[in-house]
N, C-alpha and C. Protein backbone atom coordinates (compact mmCIF):
# COMPACT_ATOMS: atom_id res chain seq x y z
N MET A 1 -20.48 -45.55 -5.56
CA MET A 1 -19.45 -46.32 -6.57
C MET A 1 -19.57 -47.64 -5.80
N THR A 2 -19.12 -48.37 -6.90
CA THR A 2 -19.29 -50.04 -6.32
C THR A 2 -18.10 -50.06 -5.74
N ASP A 3 -18.13 -51.74 -4.83
CA ASP A 3 -17.03 -51.98 -4.10
C ASP A 3 -15.54 -52.16 -4.90
N ALA A 4 -15.80 -52.60 -6.18
CA ALA A 4 -14.48 -52.90 -7.25
C ALA A 4 -14.16 -51.32 -7.73
N ALA A 5 -15.10 -50.56 -7.88
CA ALA A 5 -14.60 -48.89 -8.19
C ALA A 5 -13.78 -48.20 -7.18
N GLU A 6 -14.30 -48.55 -5.88
CA GLU A 6 -13.88 -48.04 -4.70
C GLU A 6 -12.25 -48.61 -4.46
N ALA A 7 -12.30 -49.88 -4.71
CA ALA A 7 -10.96 -50.73 -4.43
C ALA A 7 -9.86 -50.02 -5.53
N GLN A 8 -10.27 -49.92 -6.77
CA GLN A 8 -9.65 -49.39 -7.60
C GLN A 8 -8.89 -48.02 -7.51
N ALA A 9 -10.24 -47.02 -6.87
CA ALA A 9 -9.94 -45.52 -6.61
C ALA A 9 -8.79 -46.00 -5.64
N SER A 10 -9.18 -46.43 -4.66
CA SER A 10 -8.19 -46.84 -3.41
C SER A 10 -6.53 -46.90 -3.69
N LEU A 11 -6.41 -47.86 -4.62
CA LEU A 11 -5.39 -48.64 -5.47
C LEU A 11 -4.75 -47.20 -6.11
N GLU A 12 -5.39 -46.59 -6.83
CA GLU A 12 -4.75 -45.65 -7.46
C GLU A 12 -4.12 -44.56 -6.53
N ALA A 13 -4.89 -44.04 -5.59
CA ALA A 13 -4.58 -43.09 -4.59
C ALA A 13 -3.27 -43.55 -3.92
N ASP A 14 -3.27 -44.93 -3.58
CA ASP A 14 -1.70 -45.21 -2.95
C ASP A 14 -0.86 -45.43 -3.82
N LEU A 15 -0.87 -45.85 -5.09
CA LEU A 15 -0.17 -45.83 -6.51
C LEU A 15 0.47 -44.19 -6.60
N LYS A 16 -0.33 -43.35 -6.35
CA LYS A 16 0.08 -41.78 -6.80
C LYS A 16 0.71 -41.42 -5.73
N ASP A 17 0.62 -41.77 -4.25
CA ASP A 17 1.40 -41.56 -3.29
C ASP A 17 2.79 -41.94 -3.20
N GLU A 18 3.04 -43.64 -3.57
CA GLU A 18 4.10 -43.82 -3.47
C GLU A 18 5.19 -43.51 -4.72
N ILE A 19 4.31 -43.10 -6.08
CA ILE A 19 5.15 -42.89 -7.09
C ILE A 19 5.92 -41.31 -6.53
N ILE A 20 5.02 -40.25 -6.12
CA ILE A 20 5.57 -39.04 -5.56
C ILE A 20 6.71 -39.25 -4.48
N ARG A 21 6.88 -40.19 -3.78
CA ARG A 21 7.48 -40.42 -2.78
C ARG A 21 8.94 -41.05 -3.37
N MET A 22 8.81 -41.82 -4.30
CA MET A 22 9.85 -42.66 -4.85
C MET A 22 10.61 -41.68 -5.69
N TYR A 23 9.74 -41.15 -6.54
CA TYR A 23 10.93 -40.10 -7.57
C TYR A 23 11.28 -38.99 -6.73
N GLU A 24 10.39 -38.45 -5.79
CA GLU A 24 11.18 -37.23 -4.71
C GLU A 24 12.54 -37.90 -4.40
N GLU A 25 12.23 -39.06 -3.88
CA GLU A 25 13.59 -39.68 -3.22
C GLU A 25 14.56 -39.51 -4.11
N VAL A 26 14.46 -40.07 -5.40
CA VAL A 26 15.28 -40.15 -6.45
C VAL A 26 16.06 -38.54 -6.61
N ALA A 27 15.09 -37.73 -6.82
CA ALA A 27 15.80 -36.07 -7.05
C ALA A 27 16.38 -35.45 -5.82
N ASP A 28 15.95 -36.05 -4.50
CA ASP A 28 16.84 -35.54 -3.40
C ASP A 28 17.71 -36.46 -2.68
N ASN A 29 17.75 -37.84 -3.17
CA ASN A 29 19.16 -38.68 -2.81
C ASN A 29 19.37 -39.28 -3.95
N PRO A 30 19.90 -39.03 -4.89
CA PRO A 30 20.38 -39.66 -6.22
C PRO A 30 21.42 -40.96 -6.10
N ASP A 31 22.08 -40.75 -5.00
CA ASP A 31 23.30 -41.59 -4.88
C ASP A 31 22.59 -42.98 -4.06
N GLY A 32 21.21 -43.03 -3.77
CA GLY A 32 20.24 -43.90 -2.92
C GLY A 32 20.23 -45.21 -3.82
N GLU A 33 19.87 -46.37 -3.09
CA GLU A 33 19.96 -47.44 -3.98
C GLU A 33 18.43 -47.75 -4.20
N PHE A 34 17.78 -47.94 -5.91
CA PHE A 34 16.71 -47.89 -6.12
C PHE A 34 16.66 -49.23 -7.10
N HIS A 35 15.23 -49.70 -7.44
CA HIS A 35 15.25 -50.94 -8.05
C HIS A 35 14.97 -50.68 -9.60
N PHE A 36 15.61 -49.61 -9.78
CA PHE A 36 15.47 -49.12 -11.48
C PHE A 36 16.69 -48.43 -11.72
N PHE A 37 17.37 -48.39 -12.90
CA PHE A 37 18.30 -47.56 -13.72
C PHE A 37 18.27 -46.00 -13.65
N HIS A 38 19.11 -45.10 -12.62
CA HIS A 38 18.87 -44.10 -12.87
C HIS A 38 20.29 -42.89 -12.42
N CYS A 39 20.34 -41.90 -12.84
CA CYS A 39 21.36 -40.94 -12.76
C CYS A 39 22.10 -41.02 -14.14
N ARG A 40 23.27 -40.50 -14.28
CA ARG A 40 23.98 -40.38 -15.54
C ARG A 40 24.07 -41.53 -16.11
N ASP A 41 24.61 -42.52 -15.19
CA ASP A 41 24.66 -44.21 -15.73
C ASP A 41 23.52 -44.22 -16.79
N ALA A 42 22.50 -44.48 -15.98
CA ALA A 42 21.05 -44.96 -16.76
C ALA A 42 21.21 -43.70 -18.20
N ALA A 43 21.28 -42.63 -18.09
CA ALA A 43 21.23 -42.13 -19.19
C ALA A 43 22.23 -42.30 -20.51
N GLU A 44 23.32 -42.34 -19.65
CA GLU A 44 24.26 -43.12 -20.97
C GLU A 44 23.95 -44.35 -21.56
N ARG A 45 23.67 -45.28 -20.53
CA ARG A 45 23.09 -46.41 -21.27
C ARG A 45 22.13 -46.31 -22.25
N PHE A 46 21.09 -45.45 -21.97
CA PHE A 46 20.44 -45.43 -23.06
C PHE A 46 20.52 -44.20 -23.90
N GLY A 47 21.82 -44.17 -24.29
CA GLY A 47 22.20 -43.09 -25.55
C GLY A 47 22.02 -41.87 -25.57
N TYR A 48 22.15 -41.10 -24.39
CA TYR A 48 22.04 -39.82 -24.33
C TYR A 48 23.38 -39.55 -24.70
N ASP A 49 23.30 -38.31 -25.37
CA ASP A 49 24.77 -37.66 -26.09
C ASP A 49 25.61 -36.92 -24.76
N PRO A 50 26.49 -37.77 -24.42
CA PRO A 50 27.44 -37.14 -23.41
C PRO A 50 27.44 -35.31 -23.32
N ARG A 51 27.29 -35.05 -24.52
CA ARG A 51 27.38 -33.25 -24.42
C ARG A 51 26.35 -32.69 -23.59
N TRP A 52 25.15 -33.37 -23.96
CA TRP A 52 23.71 -33.01 -23.13
C TRP A 52 24.08 -33.05 -21.71
N LEU A 53 24.59 -34.11 -21.34
CA LEU A 53 24.92 -34.52 -19.95
C LEU A 53 25.48 -33.69 -19.46
N ASP A 54 26.99 -33.31 -20.06
CA ASP A 54 27.54 -32.35 -19.59
C ASP A 54 27.04 -30.91 -19.42
N GLU A 55 26.27 -30.46 -20.54
CA GLU A 55 26.14 -29.11 -20.11
C GLU A 55 24.57 -28.95 -19.29
N ALA A 56 24.11 -30.03 -19.07
CA ALA A 56 22.68 -29.72 -18.21
C ALA A 56 23.40 -29.78 -16.83
N PRO A 57 22.45 -29.00 -16.02
CA PRO A 57 22.38 -29.03 -14.59
C PRO A 57 22.47 -30.42 -13.91
N ALA A 58 23.47 -30.33 -13.11
CA ALA A 58 23.66 -31.73 -12.17
C ALA A 58 22.72 -32.26 -11.82
N GLY A 59 22.10 -31.93 -11.16
CA GLY A 59 20.56 -31.98 -10.43
C GLY A 59 19.53 -32.58 -11.50
N SER A 60 19.59 -32.36 -12.49
CA SER A 60 18.68 -32.66 -13.61
C SER A 60 19.48 -34.20 -13.92
N VAL A 61 20.65 -34.28 -14.16
CA VAL A 61 20.98 -35.12 -14.64
C VAL A 61 21.02 -36.35 -13.39
N SER A 62 21.60 -36.09 -12.22
CA SER A 62 21.58 -36.87 -10.96
C SER A 62 20.06 -37.62 -10.65
N SER A 63 19.05 -36.87 -11.06
CA SER A 63 17.69 -37.14 -11.01
C SER A 63 17.25 -38.11 -12.03
N PHE A 64 17.92 -38.14 -12.71
CA PHE A 64 17.06 -38.90 -14.18
C PHE A 64 17.06 -40.22 -13.76
N ALA A 65 15.37 -40.62 -13.99
CA ALA A 65 14.86 -42.08 -13.80
C ALA A 65 14.12 -42.39 -15.07
N GLY A 66 14.68 -42.39 -16.30
CA GLY A 66 14.02 -42.80 -17.36
C GLY A 66 14.22 -44.02 -17.51
N VAL A 67 13.33 -44.91 -18.72
CA VAL A 67 13.77 -46.23 -19.17
C VAL A 67 13.73 -46.21 -20.85
N GLY A 68 14.49 -45.09 -21.31
CA GLY A 68 14.73 -44.92 -22.44
C GLY A 68 15.43 -43.50 -22.94
N ASN A 69 15.27 -43.50 -24.37
CA ASN A 69 15.73 -41.73 -24.61
C ASN A 69 14.76 -41.26 -25.84
N PRO A 70 13.89 -40.34 -25.37
CA PRO A 70 12.89 -40.22 -26.30
C PRO A 70 13.41 -39.26 -27.61
N HIS A 71 14.56 -38.65 -27.15
CA HIS A 71 15.00 -38.02 -28.28
C HIS A 71 15.85 -38.78 -29.54
N GLU A 72 16.22 -40.11 -29.33
CA GLU A 72 16.17 -40.62 -30.72
C GLU A 72 15.46 -40.66 -31.62
N ARG A 73 14.16 -40.31 -31.33
CA ARG A 73 13.24 -40.62 -32.68
C ARG A 73 12.09 -39.25 -32.57
N SER A 74 12.57 -38.41 -31.37
CA SER A 74 11.80 -37.38 -31.77
C SER A 74 11.77 -36.22 -32.65
N ASP A 75 12.79 -36.29 -33.46
CA ASP A 75 13.14 -35.41 -34.78
C ASP A 75 12.71 -33.93 -34.26
N LEU A 76 12.81 -33.59 -33.22
CA LEU A 76 12.07 -32.27 -32.94
C LEU A 76 12.76 -31.14 -33.83
N LYS A 77 12.20 -30.05 -33.96
CA LYS A 77 12.43 -29.18 -34.97
C LYS A 77 12.28 -27.50 -34.25
N GLU A 78 13.51 -26.87 -34.95
CA GLU A 78 12.86 -25.46 -34.26
C GLU A 78 11.56 -24.79 -34.37
N GLY A 79 11.45 -24.29 -33.15
CA GLY A 79 10.15 -23.57 -33.24
C GLY A 79 8.89 -24.37 -32.86
N GLU A 80 8.94 -25.79 -32.61
CA GLU A 80 8.07 -26.55 -32.08
C GLU A 80 7.61 -26.32 -30.91
N THR A 81 6.65 -26.72 -30.30
CA THR A 81 5.86 -26.60 -29.17
C THR A 81 5.91 -28.06 -28.47
N VAL A 82 6.67 -28.50 -27.29
CA VAL A 82 6.72 -30.09 -26.88
C VAL A 82 6.37 -30.31 -25.73
N LEU A 83 5.60 -31.30 -25.35
CA LEU A 83 4.91 -31.77 -24.22
C LEU A 83 5.67 -32.50 -23.57
N ASP A 84 6.11 -32.71 -22.16
CA ASP A 84 7.16 -33.69 -21.70
C ASP A 84 5.98 -34.19 -20.67
N LEU A 85 5.44 -35.58 -20.63
CA LEU A 85 4.74 -36.18 -20.00
C LEU A 85 5.64 -36.56 -18.90
N GLY A 86 5.43 -36.68 -17.62
CA GLY A 86 6.16 -37.11 -16.31
C GLY A 86 7.61 -36.42 -16.31
N SER A 87 7.84 -34.92 -16.28
CA SER A 87 8.83 -33.97 -16.88
C SER A 87 10.05 -34.46 -15.69
N GLY A 88 9.58 -34.93 -14.43
CA GLY A 88 10.55 -34.95 -13.36
C GLY A 88 11.41 -33.53 -13.21
N ALA A 89 12.75 -34.17 -13.05
CA ALA A 89 13.93 -32.76 -12.83
C ALA A 89 13.87 -32.19 -14.02
N GLY A 90 13.41 -32.63 -15.09
CA GLY A 90 13.44 -31.79 -16.23
C GLY A 90 14.58 -32.18 -17.65
N LEU A 91 15.59 -33.04 -17.23
CA LEU A 91 16.30 -33.57 -18.17
C LEU A 91 15.89 -33.27 -19.69
N ASP A 92 14.88 -34.14 -20.04
CA ASP A 92 14.39 -34.29 -21.40
C ASP A 92 13.73 -33.05 -21.45
N ALA A 93 12.93 -32.21 -20.78
CA ALA A 93 12.60 -30.93 -21.12
C ALA A 93 13.75 -29.89 -21.62
N ILE A 94 14.82 -29.92 -20.86
CA ILE A 94 16.17 -29.13 -21.05
C ILE A 94 16.37 -29.55 -22.58
N ILE A 95 16.58 -30.65 -22.57
CA ILE A 95 17.12 -31.31 -23.76
C ILE A 95 16.27 -30.77 -25.18
N SER A 96 14.96 -30.66 -25.32
CA SER A 96 13.74 -30.53 -25.82
C SER A 96 14.13 -29.02 -26.30
N SER A 97 14.27 -28.08 -25.08
CA SER A 97 14.47 -26.79 -25.26
C SER A 97 15.70 -26.31 -26.11
N TRP A 98 16.42 -27.18 -26.23
CA TRP A 98 17.77 -26.70 -26.76
C TRP A 98 17.53 -27.12 -28.27
N ARG A 99 16.79 -28.37 -28.28
CA ARG A 99 16.81 -28.52 -29.87
C ARG A 99 15.39 -27.68 -30.60
N VAL A 100 14.44 -27.28 -30.02
CA VAL A 100 13.82 -26.60 -30.22
C VAL A 100 13.84 -24.79 -30.67
N GLY A 101 14.80 -24.63 -29.83
CA GLY A 101 15.47 -23.38 -29.73
C GLY A 101 14.50 -22.06 -29.20
N PRO A 102 15.09 -21.08 -29.63
CA PRO A 102 13.98 -19.71 -29.01
C PRO A 102 12.93 -19.46 -29.32
N THR A 103 12.79 -20.04 -30.40
CA THR A 103 11.19 -19.89 -31.01
C THR A 103 10.30 -20.88 -30.73
N GLY A 104 10.98 -21.88 -30.17
CA GLY A 104 10.23 -22.96 -29.65
C GLY A 104 9.57 -23.06 -28.34
N LYS A 105 8.80 -23.90 -27.65
CA LYS A 105 8.29 -24.06 -26.20
C LYS A 105 7.98 -25.29 -25.80
N VAL A 106 8.45 -25.50 -24.42
CA VAL A 106 8.71 -26.80 -23.89
C VAL A 106 7.73 -26.81 -22.70
N MET A 107 6.67 -27.42 -22.46
CA MET A 107 5.79 -27.53 -21.29
C MET A 107 6.02 -29.04 -20.76
N GLY A 108 6.07 -29.08 -19.32
CA GLY A 108 5.88 -30.60 -18.68
C GLY A 108 4.74 -30.39 -17.95
N VAL A 109 4.51 -31.69 -17.73
CA VAL A 109 3.37 -32.14 -16.96
C VAL A 109 3.95 -33.25 -16.11
N ASP A 110 3.65 -32.85 -14.62
CA ASP A 110 4.12 -34.10 -13.84
C ASP A 110 3.33 -34.17 -12.55
N LEU A 111 3.25 -35.14 -11.93
CA LEU A 111 2.33 -35.56 -10.62
C LEU A 111 2.59 -34.70 -9.62
N ASN A 112 3.82 -34.43 -9.43
CA ASN A 112 4.94 -33.94 -8.34
C ASN A 112 5.01 -32.57 -8.37
N PRO A 113 4.23 -31.76 -7.67
CA PRO A 113 4.72 -30.22 -7.50
C PRO A 113 6.21 -29.83 -7.54
N ALA A 114 6.71 -30.89 -6.17
CA ALA A 114 8.31 -30.27 -6.14
C ALA A 114 9.04 -30.76 -7.35
N MET A 115 8.61 -31.67 -8.28
CA MET A 115 9.58 -31.85 -9.53
C MET A 115 9.26 -30.67 -10.47
N CYS A 116 8.17 -30.31 -10.52
CA CYS A 116 7.75 -29.26 -11.48
C CYS A 116 8.53 -27.84 -11.29
N ARG A 117 8.92 -27.51 -9.67
CA ARG A 117 9.77 -26.70 -9.21
C ARG A 117 11.11 -26.78 -9.47
N LYS A 118 11.59 -28.34 -9.62
CA LYS A 118 12.79 -28.58 -10.01
C LYS A 118 13.26 -28.24 -11.35
N ALA A 119 12.24 -28.94 -12.18
CA ALA A 119 12.51 -28.65 -13.55
C ALA A 119 12.44 -27.25 -14.01
N LYS A 120 11.76 -26.41 -13.59
CA LYS A 120 11.99 -25.21 -13.71
C LYS A 120 13.12 -24.37 -13.52
N ALA A 121 13.50 -24.81 -12.37
CA ALA A 121 14.96 -24.07 -11.71
C ALA A 121 15.93 -24.91 -12.71
N HIS A 122 15.96 -26.03 -13.05
CA HIS A 122 16.95 -26.84 -13.65
C HIS A 122 17.19 -26.11 -15.16
N ALA A 123 15.96 -25.96 -15.91
CA ALA A 123 15.89 -25.11 -17.13
C ALA A 123 16.42 -23.79 -17.01
N ALA A 124 15.78 -23.14 -16.09
CA ALA A 124 16.38 -21.67 -15.78
C ALA A 124 18.02 -21.66 -15.94
N ALA A 125 18.76 -22.63 -14.90
CA ALA A 125 19.92 -22.53 -14.88
C ALA A 125 20.69 -22.86 -16.38
N THR A 126 19.64 -23.17 -17.37
CA THR A 126 20.34 -23.48 -18.45
C THR A 126 20.39 -21.95 -19.61
N GLY A 127 19.50 -21.40 -19.08
CA GLY A 127 19.23 -20.05 -19.93
C GLY A 127 17.88 -20.35 -20.70
N THR A 128 17.38 -21.70 -20.54
CA THR A 128 16.31 -22.00 -21.13
C THR A 128 14.68 -21.85 -20.15
N THR A 129 13.74 -21.91 -20.94
CA THR A 129 12.48 -21.71 -19.85
C THR A 129 11.59 -22.82 -20.32
N MET A 130 10.79 -23.11 -19.23
CA MET A 130 9.62 -24.26 -19.84
C MET A 130 8.52 -23.75 -18.68
N GLU A 131 7.28 -24.55 -18.94
CA GLU A 131 6.30 -24.40 -18.30
C GLU A 131 6.20 -25.91 -17.57
N CYS A 132 5.86 -25.85 -16.50
CA CYS A 132 5.58 -27.31 -15.88
C CYS A 132 4.18 -26.98 -15.08
N HIS A 133 3.15 -28.06 -15.45
CA HIS A 133 1.66 -28.13 -15.04
C HIS A 133 1.69 -29.11 -13.71
N GLU A 134 1.25 -28.87 -12.73
CA GLU A 134 1.27 -30.33 -12.19
C GLU A 134 -0.08 -30.94 -12.56
N GLY A 135 0.07 -32.20 -12.58
CA GLY A 135 -1.23 -32.96 -13.18
C GLY A 135 -1.01 -34.19 -13.33
N ARG A 136 -2.09 -34.85 -14.01
CA ARG A 136 -1.97 -36.24 -14.29
C ARG A 136 -2.13 -36.28 -15.59
N MET A 137 -1.23 -37.17 -16.24
CA MET A 137 -0.98 -37.75 -17.85
C MET A 137 -2.43 -38.05 -18.16
N GLU A 138 -3.56 -38.43 -17.28
CA GLU A 138 -4.93 -39.00 -17.73
C GLU A 138 -5.91 -37.67 -18.00
N ASP A 139 -5.36 -36.69 -17.44
CA ASP A 139 -6.01 -35.59 -17.81
C ASP A 139 -5.10 -34.27 -17.50
N ILE A 140 -4.67 -34.27 -18.84
CA ILE A 140 -3.60 -33.39 -19.17
C ILE A 140 -4.27 -31.67 -19.09
N PRO A 141 -3.30 -30.94 -18.28
CA PRO A 141 -4.18 -29.79 -18.29
C PRO A 141 -3.58 -28.73 -19.22
N ILE A 142 -3.43 -29.05 -20.54
CA ILE A 142 -3.39 -28.22 -21.48
C ILE A 142 -4.11 -28.52 -22.97
N PRO A 143 -4.68 -27.74 -23.69
CA PRO A 143 -5.33 -27.72 -24.48
C PRO A 143 -4.93 -28.79 -25.57
N ASP A 144 -5.65 -29.78 -26.29
CA ASP A 144 -5.20 -30.81 -27.14
C ASP A 144 -4.16 -29.97 -28.08
N ALA A 145 -4.77 -28.93 -29.16
CA ALA A 145 -3.86 -28.61 -30.21
C ALA A 145 -2.97 -27.80 -29.67
N ALA A 146 -2.57 -27.46 -28.48
CA ALA A 146 -1.44 -26.44 -27.87
C ALA A 146 -0.02 -27.26 -28.27
N VAL A 147 0.01 -28.16 -28.41
CA VAL A 147 1.34 -28.80 -28.95
C VAL A 147 1.70 -29.57 -30.42
N ASP A 148 2.89 -29.83 -30.75
CA ASP A 148 3.22 -30.52 -32.04
C ASP A 148 3.68 -31.99 -31.71
N VAL A 149 4.40 -32.07 -30.46
CA VAL A 149 5.10 -33.22 -30.24
C VAL A 149 4.70 -33.61 -28.67
N VAL A 150 4.73 -34.60 -28.63
CA VAL A 150 4.69 -34.97 -27.05
C VAL A 150 5.68 -36.01 -26.88
N ILE A 151 6.34 -36.25 -25.95
CA ILE A 151 7.55 -36.89 -25.36
C ILE A 151 7.13 -37.62 -23.96
N SER A 152 7.44 -38.44 -23.79
CA SER A 152 7.43 -39.37 -22.01
C SER A 152 8.78 -40.12 -22.25
N ASN A 153 8.98 -40.48 -21.10
CA ASN A 153 10.17 -41.57 -20.67
C ASN A 153 9.77 -42.36 -19.78
N GLY A 154 8.94 -43.29 -19.85
CA GLY A 154 8.47 -44.32 -19.42
C GLY A 154 7.35 -44.21 -18.35
N VAL A 155 6.76 -42.86 -18.19
CA VAL A 155 5.63 -42.67 -17.31
C VAL A 155 4.52 -43.24 -17.39
N LEU A 156 3.89 -43.65 -18.92
CA LEU A 156 2.79 -44.13 -19.22
C LEU A 156 2.81 -45.48 -18.16
N ASN A 157 4.22 -46.22 -18.20
CA ASN A 157 3.71 -47.48 -17.39
C ASN A 157 3.35 -47.41 -16.13
N LEU A 158 3.16 -46.18 -15.66
CA LEU A 158 2.60 -45.69 -14.09
C LEU A 158 1.42 -45.56 -14.17
N SER A 159 0.54 -45.20 -15.15
CA SER A 159 -0.91 -45.14 -15.16
C SER A 159 -1.52 -46.50 -15.31
N PHE A 160 -2.71 -46.38 -14.37
CA PHE A 160 -3.67 -47.25 -14.37
C PHE A 160 -4.60 -47.36 -15.85
N ARG A 161 -4.66 -46.21 -16.11
CA ARG A 161 -5.71 -45.75 -17.36
C ARG A 161 -4.86 -45.53 -18.81
N LYS A 162 -3.98 -46.48 -19.17
CA LYS A 162 -3.16 -45.92 -20.27
C LYS A 162 -4.11 -45.44 -21.62
N ARG A 163 -5.10 -46.33 -21.78
CA ARG A 163 -5.87 -45.89 -22.93
C ARG A 163 -6.22 -44.32 -22.94
N ARG A 164 -6.59 -44.06 -21.56
CA ARG A 164 -7.22 -42.41 -21.46
C ARG A 164 -6.05 -41.70 -21.77
N VAL A 165 -4.83 -42.31 -21.65
CA VAL A 165 -3.74 -41.44 -21.43
C VAL A 165 -3.57 -41.27 -23.12
N ILE A 166 -3.52 -42.17 -23.85
CA ILE A 166 -3.15 -41.88 -25.21
C ILE A 166 -4.52 -41.64 -25.92
N GLU A 167 -5.37 -41.06 -25.56
CA GLU A 167 -6.72 -40.97 -26.29
C GLU A 167 -6.58 -39.20 -26.96
């Protein structure tokens, strides 16, 4: 491995550790101060339906740390399979589950195993289910043809290999 490749790998590893730490902090301490919008206030700013926020588990709403609203344009339909990249504490996955109904399926991928556990617990609290796979968006641990729709709420900005993510 060249010096440049080693430096890149080291930087990516440091970033991965910081991403895990920061977003776990949002989930564990949503009243904390962060350099980005989070919690219900952020979701409302981005146009989330207040009824969704009222019906979702408080922990999924208070841990929200997105940069937009993927549901404004996702046009999800009953029975579709949705992949939520960077599913975090599960708010977008839960909303997707409501929209695709009992014949649909929602899967999440998150770098942080603690967030996958939270997302699954939050989904179960609403009577919905989701699969959540620990993994990197650059190497999605799900077969390519297994989903109809991919949503994401800003996690692409955290990748050093954006082209790899969208390939």
